[in-house]
Amino acid sequence: MRVMELPLAAIRRPLPRQTDPEKVAQLMASIAAVGQLEPIEVLEVEGVYYGFSGCHRFEAMRRLGCPTIRCRVRRATPEVLRLHLA
């Protein structure tokens, strides 16, 4: 697994997630003050990035207008992606 900066627009969020507005607001304040402390995790499948965790951090970064987000990237097969989507 490697850590890298990815454009927010390059990360697909295939599962609908409900975010807690209060938690997003708290993260926005924290990120604005000290930056992103914890990377989100994404799967890289055939050159496409899929985010399944870190939805509150992703939303906070998006609302702050950040062009990129720090991610832990794990390569996976299409079969692993199907398991995550199930």
Protein backbone atom coordinates (compact mmCIF):
# COMPACT_ATOMS: atom_id res chain seq x y z
CA MET A 1 0.00 0.00 0.00
CA ARG A 2 1.32 3.43 -0.89
CA VAL A 3 0.29 6.92 0.20
CA MET A 4 -0.22 9.51 -2.52
CA GLU A 5 -2.12 12.71 -3.34
CA LEU A 6 -4.98 12.14 -5.77
CA PRO A 7 -7.31 14.66 -7.39
CA LEU A 8 -10.71 14.52 -5.71
CA ALA A 9 -12.28 14.34 -9.16
CA ALA A 10 -10.31 11.14 -9.93
CA ILE A 11 -11.89 9.18 -7.06
CA ARG A 12 -15.15 7.39 -7.72
CA ARG A 13 -17.49 6.97 -4.76
CA PRO A 14 -19.62 4.05 -6.01
CA LEU A 15 -21.69 3.51 -2.86
CA PRO A 16 -24.09 6.13 -1.53
CA ARG A 17 -23.06 7.27 1.93
CA GLN A 18 -24.85 9.44 4.43
CA THR A 19 -22.53 11.94 6.07
CA ASP A 20 -23.08 13.57 9.43
CA PRO A 21 -23.10 17.35 8.76
CA GLU A 22 -21.70 18.09 12.23
CA LYS A 23 -18.80 15.68 11.74
CA VAL A 24 -18.07 17.16 8.29
CA ALA A 25 -18.07 20.68 9.79
CA GLN A 26 -15.67 19.60 12.55
CA LEU A 27 -13.35 18.00 10.01
CA MET A 28 -13.48 21.11 7.83
CA ALA A 29 -12.37 23.24 10.79
CA SER A 30 -9.59 20.80 11.68
CA ILE A 31 -8.34 20.45 8.10
CA ALA A 32 -8.41 24.23 7.61
CA ALA A 33 -6.34 24.66 10.79
CA VAL A 34 -3.79 21.84 10.54
CA GLY A 35 -4.32 20.05 7.23
CA GLN A 36 -5.43 16.52 6.51
CA LEU A 37 -4.00 14.28 9.22
CA GLU A 38 -5.26 10.87 8.14
CA PRO A 39 -5.35 9.60 4.54
CA ILE A 40 -8.48 8.02 3.15
CA GLU A 41 -8.26 4.54 1.66
CA VAL A 42 -8.90 3.85 -1.99
CA LEU A 43 -8.73 0.82 -4.25
CA GLU A 44 -6.96 1.13 -7.58
CA VAL A 45 -8.52 -1.23 -10.11
CA GLU A 46 -7.12 -1.10 -13.62
CA GLY A 47 -6.05 2.53 -13.19
CA VAL A 48 -9.37 3.72 -11.71
CA TYR A 49 -9.59 4.82 -8.07
CA TYR A 50 -12.54 3.83 -5.88
CA GLY A 51 -13.16 5.30 -2.43
CA PHE A 52 -15.06 3.21 0.10
CA SER A 53 -13.92 4.76 3.38
CA GLY A 54 -13.17 8.26 4.61
CA CYS A 55 -16.45 9.69 3.33
CA HIS A 56 -16.49 12.48 5.94
CA ARG A 57 -12.88 13.48 5.18
CA PHE A 58 -13.60 13.33 1.44
CA GLU A 59 -16.66 15.56 1.84
CA ALA A 60 -14.80 18.01 4.10
CA MET A 61 -11.97 18.34 1.58
CA ARG A 62 -14.48 18.76 -1.26
CA ARG A 63 -16.35 21.52 0.59
CA LEU A 64 -13.09 23.29 1.41
CA GLY A 65 -12.30 23.36 -2.31
CA CYS A 66 -9.17 21.26 -2.01
CA PRO A 67 -8.14 19.90 -5.41
CA THR A 68 -6.41 16.80 -4.00
CA ILE A 69 -6.66 14.43 -1.05
CA ARG A 70 -4.03 12.21 0.56
CA CYS A 71 -4.89 8.53 0.08
CA ARG A 72 -3.64 5.11 1.00
CA VAL A 73 -3.85 3.33 -2.33
CA ARG A 74 -4.22 -0.42 -2.54
CA ARG A 75 -4.17 -2.17 -5.91
CA ALA A 76 -6.96 -4.65 -6.36
CA THR A 77 -8.47 -6.91 -8.98
CA PRO A 78 -11.93 -6.45 -10.51
CA GLU A 79 -13.04 -9.40 -8.37
CA VAL A 80 -12.06 -7.56 -5.17
CA LEU A 81 -13.94 -4.49 -6.41
CA ARG A 82 -17.06 -6.62 -6.96
CA LEU A 83 -16.82 -7.85 -3.36
CA HIS A 84 -16.70 -4.26 -2.11
CA LEU A 85 -19.73 -3.37 -4.21
CA ALA A 86 -21.76 -6.36 -3.02
